[in-house]
């Protein structure tokens, strides 16, 4: 794929390691219920999600004191709870240190979103449509396209959460892309764009699989 000027693209998309065992769907439901005024079992959630509680507490967000005691927005809560950290509490090393970060971060499509581009121009030919489902979960699993609102997407400082893959999802998507149970749409905008994204995304997926982690996707300006 030829080099294309990406200077007009403002949002940078990142694919960050997500701790194994984090139940984003369950945490999302919990936050939704609180926001909607539904009675929740705070003690039960804390008992069942010790990893989430521990990671938030390490950053000063004491969920045991109730959601109202935490000033962060829901998107920031999810990101802090989900992201992989080192033993000292610092951010985990990136899934890739090379060109894949830049190529996926600023893809030259209209919105700069490489996964959105795949969803438009990569045609899933598998009977179960697994690739289609996993790409959607990664791209918009926390956004209004699936949820109907952006409460879990729009965060502090211009951060926008897109979606996630669990560690098992990572393996399944990597296998789907590798087995080529897909084809490229004839009307693809950038010749070779789909295969370029697949190549770099596969590098990220293999790195995550090797480390036994999931992936959380976000963009920021």
Protein backbone atom coordinates (compact mmCIF):
# COMPACT_ATOMS: atom_id res chain seq x y z
CA UNK A 1 0.00 0.00 0.00
CA UNK A 2 1.41 3.39 -0.99
CA UNK A 3 2.24 5.94 1.68
CA UNK A 4 -0.65 8.36 2.17
CA UNK A 5 -0.58 11.69 3.97
CA UNK A 6 -2.29 11.29 7.36
CA UNK A 7 -1.73 14.77 8.75
CA UNK A 8 -5.43 15.65 8.50
CA UNK A 9 -6.44 12.75 10.76
CA UNK A 10 -6.91 14.06 14.31
CA UNK A 11 -7.89 10.98 16.33
CA UNK A 12 -5.19 8.46 17.17
CA UNK A 13 -6.37 4.89 17.75
CA UNK A 14 -4.59 2.64 20.21
CA UNK A 15 -4.85 -1.05 21.03
CA UNK A 16 -3.79 -1.63 24.59
CA UNK A 17 -3.31 -4.81 26.62
CA UNK A 18 -6.32 -5.68 28.78
CA UNK A 19 -5.96 -7.74 31.93
CA UNK A 20 -7.12 -11.32 31.70
CA UNK A 21 -10.29 -12.08 33.65
CA UNK A 22 -11.79 -8.58 33.59
CA UNK A 23 -15.55 -8.82 33.02
CA UNK A 24 -16.21 -5.68 31.00
CA UNK A 25 -19.76 -6.73 30.16
CA UNK A 26 -20.59 -7.28 33.83
CA UNK A 27 -18.95 -4.01 34.89
CA UNK A 28 -20.81 -2.18 32.12
CA UNK A 29 -24.16 -3.55 33.32
CA UNK A 30 -23.29 -2.57 36.88
CA UNK A 31 -22.48 1.02 35.87
CA UNK A 32 -25.57 1.24 33.67
CA UNK A 33 -27.80 0.13 36.54
CA UNK A 34 -26.32 2.71 38.89
CA UNK A 35 -26.75 5.49 36.34
CA UNK A 36 -30.34 4.43 35.67
CA UNK A 37 -31.20 4.37 39.36
CA UNK A 38 -31.64 0.61 39.52
CA UNK A 39 -30.92 -0.97 42.90
CA UNK A 40 -27.59 -2.80 42.70
CA UNK A 41 -25.84 -5.31 44.91
CA UNK A 42 -22.63 -3.38 45.56
CA UNK A 43 -21.30 -5.94 48.02
CA UNK A 44 -22.02 -8.79 45.61
CA UNK A 45 -20.27 -7.01 42.75
CA UNK A 46 -17.22 -6.32 44.90
CA UNK A 47 -17.07 -9.94 46.02
CA UNK A 48 -17.29 -11.22 42.44
CA UNK A 49 -14.90 -8.70 40.88
CA UNK A 50 -11.93 -8.42 43.22
CA UNK A 51 -9.53 -7.63 40.37
CA UNK A 52 -11.56 -4.62 39.23
CA UNK A 53 -11.92 -3.34 42.80
CA UNK A 54 -8.20 -3.76 43.48
CA UNK A 55 -7.13 -1.92 40.33
CA UNK A 56 -9.49 0.98 40.97
CA UNK A 57 -8.45 1.20 44.63
CA UNK A 58 -4.79 1.40 43.58
CA UNK A 59 -5.69 4.59 41.72
CA UNK A 60 -7.66 6.05 44.63
CA UNK A 61 -11.13 5.10 43.40
CA UNK A 62 -12.72 3.25 46.32
CA UNK A 63 -15.71 1.41 44.89
CA UNK A 64 -16.51 0.08 48.36
CA UNK A 65 -17.54 3.63 49.30
CA UNK A 66 -20.16 3.67 46.54
CA UNK A 67 -20.15 4.94 42.96
CA UNK A 68 -21.10 8.44 44.11
CA UNK A 69 -17.79 8.73 45.98
CA UNK A 70 -15.84 8.47 42.71
CA UNK A 71 -15.66 11.56 40.51
CA UNK A 72 -14.47 9.77 37.39
CA UNK A 73 -16.77 9.23 34.42
CA UNK A 74 -17.83 5.68 33.54
CA UNK A 75 -15.48 5.42 30.56
CA UNK A 76 -12.47 6.27 32.70
CA UNK A 77 -13.55 3.72 35.30
CA UNK A 78 -13.75 1.00 32.66
CA UNK A 79 -10.40 1.92 31.13
CA UNK A 80 -8.55 1.98 34.45
CA UNK A 81 -10.17 -1.29 35.53
CA UNK A 82 -9.47 -3.04 32.23
CA UNK A 83 -5.97 -1.99 31.21
CA UNK A 84 -3.04 -4.21 32.02
CA UNK A 85 -0.53 -2.77 34.48
CA UNK A 86 2.92 -3.75 35.68
CA UNK A 87 3.56 -4.98 39.22
CA UNK A 88 4.48 -1.45 40.29
CA UNK A 89 1.15 -0.14 39.00
CA UNK A 90 2.59 1.54 35.93
CA UNK A 91 1.17 1.01 32.43
CA UNK A 92 2.03 -2.32 30.84
CA UNK A 93 4.38 -2.33 27.87
CA UNK A 94 2.73 -1.79 24.50
CA UNK A 95 1.71 -4.75 22.35
CA UNK A 96 4.00 -3.48 19.61
CA UNK A 97 6.95 -1.10 19.56
CA UNK A 98 7.23 -0.82 15.79
CA UNK A 99 5.41 0.52 12.77
CA UNK A 100 2.12 -1.25 13.53
CA UNK A 101 1.28 1.29 16.24
CA UNK A 102 1.54 4.15 13.76
CA UNK A 103 -0.15 2.40 10.84
CA UNK A 104 -3.15 1.36 12.92
CA UNK A 105 -3.16 4.58 14.92
CA UNK A 106 -3.58 6.89 11.95
CA UNK A 107 -5.07 4.98 9.05
CA UNK A 108 -5.86 7.34 6.15
CA UNK A 109 -9.61 6.70 5.99
CA UNK A 110 -12.13 9.47 6.56
CA UNK A 111 -12.32 8.91 10.32
CA UNK A 112 -8.87 7.38 10.74
CA UNK A 113 -10.35 4.21 12.25
CA UNK A 114 -8.68 1.04 10.93
CA UNK A 115 -11.19 -1.36 12.49
CA UNK A 116 -14.10 0.64 11.12
CA UNK A 117 -12.44 0.36 7.71
CA UNK A 118 -12.18 -3.43 8.08
CA UNK A 119 -15.85 -3.63 9.02
CA UNK A 120 -16.75 -1.83 5.81
CA UNK A 121 -14.46 -3.59 3.36
CA UNK A 122 -13.54 -6.99 4.83
CA UNK A 123 -16.30 -9.46 3.98
CA UNK A 124 -16.67 -12.31 6.47
CA UNK A 125 -17.40 -15.52 4.55
CA UNK A 126 -17.57 -17.83 7.58
CA UNK A 127 -21.02 -19.31 8.35
CA UNK A 128 -20.97 -18.13 11.96
CA UNK A 129 -19.76 -14.60 11.07
CA UNK A 130 -17.31 -14.74 13.97
CA UNK A 131 -14.89 -12.24 12.48
CA UNK A 132 -17.67 -9.75 11.81
CA UNK A 133 -18.92 -10.04 15.38
CA UNK A 134 -15.49 -9.71 16.99
CA UNK A 135 -14.49 -6.73 14.85
CA UNK A 136 -17.74 -5.01 15.85
CA UNK A 137 -17.12 -5.75 19.53
CA UNK A 138 -13.61 -4.29 19.26
CA UNK A 139 -14.73 -1.24 17.29
CA UNK A 140 -18.05 -0.24 18.89
CA UNK A 141 -18.72 -2.59 21.80
CA UNK A 142 -18.83 0.36 24.20
CA UNK A 143 -20.35 2.89 21.80
CA UNK A 144 -23.80 4.03 20.78
CA UNK A 145 -23.91 1.90 17.61
CA UNK A 146 -24.38 -1.14 19.84
CA UNK A 147 -25.40 0.33 23.19
CA UNK A 148 -27.59 3.24 22.10
CA UNK A 149 -25.56 5.74 24.14
CA UNK A 150 -21.95 6.82 24.70
CA UNK A 151 -21.87 6.91 28.51
CA UNK A 152 -19.25 4.17 28.56
CA UNK A 153 -17.30 5.61 25.64
CA UNK A 154 -16.75 9.32 26.18
CA UNK A 155 -14.13 9.90 28.83
CA UNK A 156 -11.94 12.55 30.38
CA UNK A 157 -9.41 14.46 28.30
CA UNK A 158 -10.80 13.57 24.89
CA UNK A 159 -10.55 9.81 25.39
CA UNK A 160 -13.07 7.68 23.54
CA UNK A 161 -13.36 3.98 24.31
CA UNK A 162 -14.38 1.82 21.36
CA UNK A 163 -14.56 -1.79 22.52
CA UNK A 164 -12.57 -4.80 23.63
CA UNK A 165 -11.50 -8.37 23.05
CA UNK A 166 -11.02 -10.91 25.82
CA UNK A 167 -7.97 -13.15 25.70
CA UNK A 168 -10.06 -15.89 24.06
CA UNK A 169 -11.50 -13.37 21.58
CA UNK A 170 -7.94 -12.42 20.65
CA UNK A 171 -7.15 -16.02 19.74
CA UNK A 172 -10.38 -16.43 17.79
CA UNK A 173 -9.92 -13.23 15.78
CA UNK A 174 -6.28 -14.00 15.04
CA UNK A 175 -7.28 -17.47 13.82
CA UNK A 176 -10.09 -16.04 11.68
CA UNK A 177 -7.78 -13.55 9.98
CA UNK A 178 -5.00 -16.10 9.52
CA UNK A 179 -7.29 -18.72 7.97
CA UNK A 180 -8.51 -16.13 5.45
CA UNK A 181 -12.20 -16.89 5.80
CA UNK A 182 -12.82 -13.50 4.28
CA UNK A 183 -12.41 -11.50 1.11
CA UNK A 184 -11.96 -7.85 0.23
CA UNK A 185 -14.92 -5.85 -1.04
CA UNK A 186 -14.62 -4.78 -4.67
CA UNK A 187 -15.36 -1.15 -3.78
CA UNK A 188 -12.51 -0.82 -1.27
CA UNK A 189 -11.38 2.81 -1.17
CA UNK A 190 -7.64 2.29 -0.68
CA UNK A 191 -6.12 -0.48 -2.78
CA UNK A 192 -4.45 -2.91 -0.40
CA UNK A 193 -5.85 -1.18 2.67
CA UNK A 194 -7.67 -4.17 4.13
CA UNK A 195 -4.65 -6.44 3.83
CA UNK A 196 -2.41 -3.74 5.30
CA UNK A 197 -4.64 -3.42 8.35
CA UNK A 198 -4.96 -7.19 8.73
CA UNK A 199 -1.18 -7.54 8.68
CA UNK A 200 -0.62 -4.98 11.42
CA UNK A 201 -3.63 -6.05 13.48
CA UNK A 202 -2.37 -9.64 13.36
CA UNK A 203 0.92 -8.48 14.87
CA UNK A 204 -1.02 -6.94 17.77
CA UNK A 205 -3.19 -10.03 18.20
CA UNK A 206 -0.21 -12.39 18.22
CA UNK A 207 1.54 -10.24 20.82
CA UNK A 208 -1.57 -10.20 23.02
CA UNK A 209 -2.04 -13.94 22.59
CA UNK A 210 1.57 -14.61 23.58
CA UNK A 211 1.11 -12.56 26.75
CA UNK A 212 -2.29 -14.05 27.56
CA UNK A 213 -4.09 -10.69 27.60
CA UNK A 214 -7.06 -9.12 25.88
CA UNK A 215 -7.18 -5.83 23.99
CA UNK A 216 -9.06 -2.62 24.65
CA UNK A 217 -9.38 -0.11 21.81
CA UNK A 218 -9.60 3.62 22.34
CA UNK A 219 -9.04 6.82 20.41
CA UNK A 220 -7.99 10.23 21.61
CA UNK A 221 -7.35 13.65 20.17
